Amino acid sequence: MKIVDVDDRRGSVKVRVEDVDDLWVLKNVINEGDVVISRTLRDVKVDGEGKRRLPMTLAVKVKNVYFQPFSNRLRVHGVIVEGPEEYGLRGSYHTLNVDVGNEVEIVKDVWPPSALRRLSESSKRRFKALLVAADFDEASIATLYGQGIKYLIDLSFKGVNDEEPDAINNISEEICEEVLRYVELEKADFVVVGSPAVLREAIAGKLKERSKGRFKIFADSVSVGGRAGIEELVRRDSVKNLLQEYVIIEAESILNEFMKLLITNPSKVAYGLEHVEIAAANNAVSTLLIHEELLTSENSSRVEELLSKVEEKGGRVRIVPAESPIASKLKGFSGVIAVLRYELTID
């Protein structure tokens, strides 16, 4: 995401959407009651010509925001508050479709520091990884977004005799072709290959020969191929170090730390909105993990105040996408957990 302009007087921030993760960030930043301004198409009556679909800039007071994970479009629905006067559009409903490449301006009465922080973090350069997990039966290729793991293709090699002289070459060649195709489609910066030793070396070797410096290649071992192998791959410490900026990797590590402390030292954790608020009021929150649905719940004002308070005191806040593998576990703790700086007894 590129921050194009900030107008403190108007309470507006204009951004350019650069990838699908930016759309997910905007979905969590734009709230009901905000005003969103963007170019759009609108059917209007034109004298002597009937209805025509014309390009124009409209400002919409937000009622709802819709986003399907890994889609390339954010839909912002609301009431038109500004637009070309000649068409009399004020007061009508309209949906702005925000796509990758679009510019959009967001106006708020008050910008929570946590929302500004999300835009700022999203504006930093992110590296995109392609993940490959393969064995002699199957392979999966995926990419990692802030929203979660997006599986791109699953390959099956069942029936292939891995003792045949050409088996390794044929399997690694097929995988290599698909990886190169998705590197271009996804504009990946590096590829992480997880596989048993011999096959791993064959795949990585072919990719190095053909990469021509366009992307970096890292290799690690996994016990299985396919989607189970992808999930194993993202849990490995070596891969975590490569992908540490991605929310779901860090979020899973935080949840694991929370679960261990819940058993061994429960005074070092808090969960549920009320208890985490108490911990934040005592400047005790080191790290907070929150389900994205709480940002638009009936308690959204309390949630924003909580996030701002934690960040102002130097705590880390991580938002977990609804499609993330750990989202359901987080819901089991009312959608918000915290690892504390020190032991705190909360009645």
Protein backbone atom coordinates (compact mmCIF):
# COMPACT_ATOMS: atom_id res chain seq x y z
CA MET A 1 0.00 0.00 0.00
CA LYS A 2 1.20 3.48 -0.79
CA ILE A 3 0.07 6.39 1.39
CA VAL A 4 -0.54 9.13 -1.17
CA ASP A 5 -1.71 11.99 1.04
CA VAL A 6 -2.63 12.78 4.65
CA ASP A 7 -4.83 15.77 5.50
CA ASP A 8 -5.05 16.16 9.27
CA ARG A 9 -7.47 19.08 8.96
CA ARG A 10 -10.04 16.98 7.09
CA GLY A 11 -9.20 13.77 8.90
CA SER A 12 -8.46 12.07 5.59
CA VAL A 13 -5.89 9.59 4.35
CA LYS A 14 -5.55 8.74 0.66
CA VAL A 15 -3.93 5.42 -0.25
CA ARG A 16 -3.13 3.41 -3.37
CA VAL A 17 -3.91 -0.31 -3.19
CA GLU A 18 -0.92 -2.38 -4.33
CA ASP A 19 -1.90 -5.97 -3.49
CA VAL A 20 -4.72 -8.07 -2.06
CA ASP A 21 -3.34 -7.84 1.47
CA ASP A 22 -3.92 -4.09 1.27
CA LEU A 23 -7.61 -4.76 0.63
CA TRP A 24 -7.76 -6.87 3.77
CA VAL A 25 -6.10 -4.07 5.76
CA LEU A 26 -8.62 -1.54 4.42
CA LYS A 27 -11.47 -3.88 5.33
CA ASN A 28 -10.30 -3.68 8.94
CA VAL A 29 -9.65 0.08 8.87
CA ILE A 30 -12.89 1.30 7.24
CA ASN A 31 -15.79 1.43 9.68
CA GLU A 32 -19.49 2.26 9.51
CA GLY A 33 -19.91 6.05 9.49
CA ASP A 34 -16.61 6.76 7.74
CA VAL A 35 -16.66 8.54 4.39
CA VAL A 36 -14.86 6.81 1.52
CA ILE A 37 -14.07 8.65 -1.71
CA SER A 38 -13.09 6.89 -4.93
CA ARG A 39 -13.56 6.77 -8.68
CA THR A 40 -16.48 4.59 -9.69
CA LEU A 41 -19.07 3.88 -12.38
CA ARG A 42 -22.69 4.96 -11.88
CA ASP A 43 -25.85 4.69 -13.96
CA VAL A 44 -27.30 8.19 -14.37
CA LYS A 45 -30.01 9.82 -16.46
CA VAL A 46 -28.64 11.98 -19.25
CA ASP A 47 -31.00 14.40 -20.99
CA GLY A 48 -32.10 13.04 -24.33
CA GLU A 49 -30.03 9.87 -23.98
CA GLY A 50 -31.77 7.90 -21.23
CA LYS A 51 -29.52 6.12 -18.74
CA ARG A 52 -25.76 5.95 -19.20
CA ARG A 53 -23.02 4.38 -17.08
CA LEU A 54 -20.51 7.14 -16.43
CA PRO A 55 -17.18 7.33 -14.58
CA MET A 56 -17.16 9.79 -11.68
CA THR A 57 -15.79 10.40 -8.20
CA LEU A 58 -18.25 9.73 -5.37
CA ALA A 59 -18.04 10.08 -1.60
CA VAL A 60 -20.00 7.42 0.28
CA LYS A 61 -20.88 7.38 3.98
CA VAL A 62 -20.19 3.77 4.87
CA LYS A 63 -22.91 1.33 5.91
CA ASN A 64 -21.16 -1.97 5.17
CA VAL A 65 -17.78 -3.24 3.97
CA TYR A 66 -17.52 -6.60 2.17
CA PHE A 67 -14.38 -8.56 1.40
CA GLN A 68 -13.92 -12.17 0.37
CA PRO A 69 -10.48 -13.46 1.42
CA PHE A 70 -8.05 -13.71 -1.52
CA SER A 71 -10.45 -11.97 -3.86
CA ASN A 72 -9.16 -8.90 -5.67
CA ARG A 73 -11.98 -6.57 -4.69
CA LEU A 74 -13.25 -4.71 -1.65
CA ARG A 75 -16.88 -3.51 -1.75
CA VAL A 76 -17.82 -0.42 0.26
CA HIS A 77 -21.58 0.15 0.45
CA GLY A 78 -23.27 3.28 1.75
CA VAL A 79 -25.08 6.55 1.07
CA ILE A 80 -23.70 9.08 -1.42
CA VAL A 81 -22.81 12.33 0.36
CA GLU A 82 -20.82 14.02 -2.43
CA GLY A 83 -20.84 13.72 -6.21
CA PRO A 84 -21.56 15.61 -9.43
CA GLU A 85 -24.43 17.98 -8.62
CA GLU A 86 -26.05 17.70 -12.06
CA TYR A 87 -27.12 14.09 -11.47
CA GLY A 88 -28.79 14.56 -8.07
CA LEU A 89 -27.16 11.52 -6.51
CA ARG A 90 -26.95 12.66 -2.89
CA GLY A 91 -28.88 10.40 -0.54
CA SER A 92 -28.85 7.45 -2.95
CA TYR A 93 -27.13 4.19 -2.11
CA HIS A 94 -24.01 3.15 -3.99
CA THR A 95 -21.30 0.48 -3.75
CA LEU A 96 -17.69 1.44 -4.42
CA ASN A 97 -15.60 -1.41 -5.82
CA VAL A 98 -12.00 -1.00 -4.69
CA ASP A 99 -9.52 -3.05 -6.71
CA VAL A 100 -5.75 -3.50 -6.68
CA GLY A 101 -4.31 -0.40 -8.35
CA ASN A 102 -7.11 1.94 -7.21
CA GLU A 103 -6.71 5.05 -5.09
CA VAL A 104 -9.15 5.54 -2.24
CA GLU A 105 -9.55 8.31 0.33
CA ILE A 106 -10.84 7.54 3.83
CA VAL A 107 -12.25 10.29 6.06
CA LYS A 108 -12.85 9.71 9.77
CA ASP A 109 -14.03 12.02 12.54
CA VAL A 110 -11.21 10.60 14.67
CA TRP A 111 -8.39 8.35 13.47
CA PRO A 112 -7.49 5.75 16.13
CA PRO A 113 -3.68 5.38 16.38
CA SER A 114 -4.11 1.64 15.80
CA ALA A 115 -5.79 2.27 12.41
CA LEU A 116 -3.02 4.65 11.33
CA ARG A 117 -0.46 2.08 12.46
CA ARG A 118 -2.08 -0.58 10.26
CA LEU A 119 -1.88 1.68 7.21
CA SER A 120 1.72 2.58 7.99
CA GLU A 121 2.75 -1.06 8.40
CA SER A 122 1.01 -2.00 5.18
CA SER A 123 2.90 0.74 3.32
CA LYS A 124 6.23 -0.94 4.05
CA ARG A 125 7.68 -3.21 1.36
CA ARG A 126 6.59 -6.82 1.86
CA PHE A 127 8.30 -9.80 0.35
CA LYS A 128 6.08 -12.49 -1.10
CA ALA A 129 6.91 -16.15 -0.60
CA LEU A 130 5.91 -19.19 -2.62
CA LEU A 131 5.79 -22.39 -0.56
CA VAL A 132 6.30 -25.88 -2.01
CA ALA A 133 5.81 -29.16 -0.13
CA ALA A 134 6.44 -32.36 -2.08
CA ASP A 135 7.03 -36.08 -1.70
CA PHE A 136 6.73 -38.96 -4.15
CA ASP A 137 2.92 -39.10 -3.78
CA GLU A 138 1.82 -35.47 -3.93
CA ALA A 139 2.84 -31.83 -3.91
CA SER A 140 1.19 -28.53 -3.09
CA ILE A 141 2.19 -25.00 -4.00
CA ALA A 142 0.91 -22.11 -1.91
CA THR A 143 1.59 -18.48 -1.15
CA LEU A 144 1.41 -16.71 2.18
CA TYR A 145 -0.58 -13.53 2.70
CA GLY A 146 -1.45 -11.62 5.84
CA GLN A 147 -4.90 -13.18 5.38
CA GLY A 148 -3.56 -16.71 5.54
CA ILE A 149 -2.28 -19.48 3.28
CA LYS A 150 -3.61 -19.43 -0.27
CA TYR A 151 -3.28 -22.82 -1.95
CA LEU A 152 -2.53 -22.44 -5.64
CA ILE A 153 -2.32 -25.99 -6.97
CA ASP A 154 -2.23 -29.61 -5.75
CA LEU A 155 -0.35 -32.23 -7.76
CA SER A 156 -0.68 -36.00 -7.49
CA PHE A 157 2.05 -38.51 -8.36
CA LYS A 158 0.30 -41.64 -7.10
CA GLY A 159 1.14 -44.60 -9.26
CA VAL A 160 4.65 -43.33 -9.91
CA ASN A 161 7.32 -45.82 -8.85
CA ASP A 162 9.92 -43.81 -6.94
CA GLU A 163 12.51 -46.52 -7.65
CA GLU A 164 12.37 -45.90 -11.40
CA PRO A 165 15.50 -44.11 -12.68
CA ASP A 166 13.56 -41.16 -14.06
CA ALA A 167 11.06 -40.79 -11.19
CA ILE A 168 12.91 -38.04 -9.32
CA ASN A 169 13.67 -36.16 -12.53
CA ASN A 170 10.09 -36.37 -13.83
CA ILE A 171 8.46 -35.35 -10.54
CA SER A 172 10.89 -32.50 -9.88
CA GLU A 173 10.49 -31.28 -13.47
CA GLU A 174 6.69 -31.10 -13.19
CA ILE A 175 6.92 -29.29 -9.86
CA CYS A 176 9.54 -26.90 -11.22
CA GLU A 177 7.36 -25.95 -14.19
CA GLU A 178 4.41 -25.14 -11.93
CA VAL A 179 6.58 -23.19 -9.49
CA LEU A 180 8.01 -21.04 -12.29
CA ARG A 181 4.50 -20.36 -13.57
CA TYR A 182 3.23 -19.25 -10.17
CA VAL A 183 6.34 -17.19 -9.43
CA GLU A 184 5.33 -15.05 -12.41
CA LEU A 185 1.62 -14.98 -11.56
CA GLU A 186 2.14 -14.18 -7.88
CA LYS A 187 5.26 -12.01 -8.38
CA ALA A 188 7.04 -14.00 -5.68
CA ASP A 189 10.35 -12.79 -4.27
CA PHE A 190 11.49 -16.17 -2.98
CA VAL A 191 10.54 -19.84 -3.01
CA VAL A 192 10.73 -22.19 -0.02
CA VAL A 193 10.96 -25.87 -0.95
CA GLY A 194 10.10 -28.52 1.64
CA SER A 195 10.65 -32.16 0.74
CA PRO A 196 12.57 -35.33 1.62
CA ALA A 197 16.31 -34.88 0.93
CA VAL A 198 16.82 -36.33 -2.56
CA LEU A 199 13.68 -34.84 -4.08
CA ARG A 200 14.29 -31.52 -2.31
CA GLU A 201 17.75 -31.21 -3.84
CA ALA A 202 16.41 -32.05 -7.29
CA ILE A 203 13.63 -29.44 -7.13
CA ALA A 204 15.86 -26.73 -5.66
CA GLY A 205 18.59 -27.50 -8.19
CA LYS A 206 16.26 -27.13 -11.18
CA LEU A 207 14.83 -23.89 -9.81
CA LYS A 208 18.30 -22.42 -9.26
CA GLU A 209 19.23 -23.23 -12.85
CA ARG A 210 16.18 -21.44 -14.21
CA SER A 211 15.64 -18.61 -11.74
CA LYS A 212 18.27 -16.36 -13.38
CA GLY A 213 18.37 -14.32 -10.21
CA ARG A 214 14.67 -13.39 -10.40
CA PHE A 215 13.91 -14.97 -7.03
CA LYS A 216 15.73 -16.58 -4.13
CA ILE A 217 15.39 -20.24 -3.23
CA PHE A 218 15.45 -21.78 0.24
CA ALA A 219 15.14 -25.47 1.07
CA ASP A 220 14.10 -27.34 4.21
CA SER A 221 12.85 -30.80 5.08
CA VAL A 222 9.27 -31.88 5.75
CA SER A 223 7.94 -35.35 6.50
CA VAL A 224 5.12 -35.26 3.93
CA GLY A 225 4.13 -33.45 0.77
CA GLY A 226 0.85 -31.76 -0.09
CA ARG A 227 -1.12 -29.40 2.12
CA ALA A 228 -0.06 -31.15 5.32
CA GLY A 229 3.52 -30.50 4.26
CA ILE A 230 2.80 -26.79 3.68
CA GLU A 231 1.41 -26.49 7.21
CA GLU A 232 4.46 -28.30 8.57
CA LEU A 233 6.75 -26.03 6.56
CA VAL A 234 5.36 -22.77 7.96
CA ARG A 235 5.85 -24.07 11.51
CA ARG A 236 9.57 -24.70 11.08
CA ASP A 237 11.87 -22.19 12.79
CA SER A 238 13.99 -21.67 9.68
CA VAL A 239 10.93 -20.76 7.65
CA LYS A 240 9.50 -18.62 10.46
CA ASN A 241 12.66 -16.53 10.34
CA LEU A 242 12.17 -15.99 6.61
CA LEU A 243 8.49 -15.19 6.91
CA GLN A 244 8.41 -13.45 10.29
CA GLU A 245 6.67 -10.35 8.94
CA TYR A 246 3.58 -12.33 8.02
CA VAL A 247 0.80 -12.05 10.57
CA ILE A 248 -0.34 -15.66 10.65
CA ILE A 249 3.15 -17.02 11.40
CA GLU A 250 3.69 -14.60 14.25
CA ALA A 251 0.12 -15.03 15.49
CA GLU A 252 0.52 -18.79 15.79
CA SER A 253 3.73 -18.32 17.79
CA ILE A 254 1.95 -15.89 20.14
CA LEU A 255 -0.96 -18.30 20.61
CA ASN A 256 1.45 -21.16 21.39
CA GLU A 257 3.22 -18.99 23.99
CA PHE A 258 -0.15 -18.04 25.49
CA MET A 259 -1.26 -21.69 25.73
CA LYS A 260 1.96 -22.71 27.49
CA LEU A 261 1.69 -19.86 30.00
CA LEU A 262 -2.00 -20.60 30.59
CA ILE A 263 -0.90 -23.98 31.96
CA THR A 264 2.42 -23.09 33.63
CA ASN A 265 1.85 -19.49 34.80
CA PRO A 266 -1.75 -18.29 34.25
CA SER A 267 -1.04 -14.94 35.96
CA LYS A 268 1.07 -14.03 32.91
CA VAL A 269 -1.88 -14.13 30.47
CA ALA A 270 -5.33 -12.61 30.07
CA TYR A 271 -8.22 -13.37 27.72
CA GLY A 272 -11.65 -11.99 26.98
CA LEU A 273 -12.26 -8.30 26.34
CA GLU A 274 -12.93 -7.28 29.96
CA HIS A 275 -9.87 -9.01 31.44
CA VAL A 276 -7.54 -7.78 28.69
CA GLU A 277 -8.85 -4.24 29.23
CA ILE A 278 -7.92 -4.53 32.92
CA ALA A 279 -4.45 -5.76 31.98
CA ALA A 280 -4.02 -2.87 29.52
CA ALA A 281 -5.13 -0.35 32.18
CA ASN A 282 -2.30 -1.70 34.34
CA ASN A 283 0.22 -1.34 31.48
CA ALA A 284 0.70 -5.10 31.65
CA VAL A 285 0.07 -6.13 28.03
CA SER A 286 3.20 -7.14 26.15
CA THR A 287 1.45 -8.74 23.16
CA LEU A 288 -2.22 -8.77 22.18
CA LEU A 289 -3.83 -11.11 19.67
CA ILE A 290 -7.34 -10.26 18.45
CA HIS A 291 -9.81 -11.80 16.01
CA GLU A 292 -10.64 -9.38 13.18
CA GLU A 293 -14.40 -9.79 13.74
CA LEU A 294 -14.14 -7.91 17.05
CA LEU A 295 -13.09 -4.80 15.11
CA THR A 296 -16.59 -4.56 13.62
CA SER A 297 -18.57 -6.01 16.52
CA GLU A 298 -20.95 -4.10 18.80
CA ASN A 299 -17.90 -3.50 21.03
CA SER A 300 -15.83 -1.95 18.23
CA SER A 301 -15.33 1.35 20.10
CA ARG A 302 -14.02 -0.47 23.17
CA VAL A 303 -11.80 -2.61 20.98
CA GLU A 304 -10.25 0.38 19.19
CA GLU A 305 -9.64 2.09 22.54
CA LEU A 306 -7.99 -1.09 23.83
CA LEU A 307 -5.71 -1.44 20.80
CA SER A 308 -4.69 2.21 20.99
CA LYS A 309 -3.93 1.94 24.71
CA VAL A 310 -1.78 -1.17 24.23
CA GLU A 311 0.19 0.36 21.35
CA GLU A 312 0.67 3.68 23.15
CA LYS A 313 2.31 1.76 26.01
CA GLY A 314 4.65 -0.09 23.65
CA GLY A 315 2.70 -3.33 23.37
CA ARG A 316 2.38 -5.30 20.14
CA VAL A 317 -1.02 -5.79 18.52
CA ARG A 318 -1.64 -8.50 15.95
CA ILE A 319 -4.98 -8.95 14.15
CA VAL A 320 -5.93 -12.48 13.14
CA PRO A 321 -7.89 -12.88 9.88
CA ALA A 322 -11.13 -14.85 10.07
CA GLU A 323 -9.76 -17.32 7.50
CA SER A 324 -6.57 -17.96 9.48
CA PRO A 325 -6.00 -21.54 10.74
CA ILE A 326 -5.90 -20.26 14.35
CA ALA A 327 -9.00 -18.03 14.17
CA SER A 328 -11.32 -20.70 15.60
CA LYS A 329 -8.94 -21.34 18.51
CA LEU A 330 -8.85 -17.62 19.25
CA LYS A 331 -12.66 -17.52 19.26
CA GLY A 332 -12.55 -20.08 22.05
CA PHE A 333 -10.99 -17.35 24.21
CA SER A 334 -13.66 -14.76 23.26
CA GLY A 335 -11.58 -13.50 20.36
CA VAL A 336 -8.82 -11.71 22.27
CA ILE A 337 -5.82 -12.88 24.29
CA ALA A 338 -2.80 -11.17 25.82
CA VAL A 339 0.64 -12.21 27.00
CA LEU A 340 1.58 -10.00 29.95
CA ARG A 341 4.78 -8.24 30.91
CA TYR A 342 4.46 -9.33 34.52
CA GLU A 343 2.21 -11.48 36.68
CA LEU A 344 -1.19 -9.93 37.31
CA THR A 345 -4.10 -11.36 39.27
CA ILE A 346 -7.43 -10.46 37.64
CA ASP A 347 -10.57 -11.35 39.59
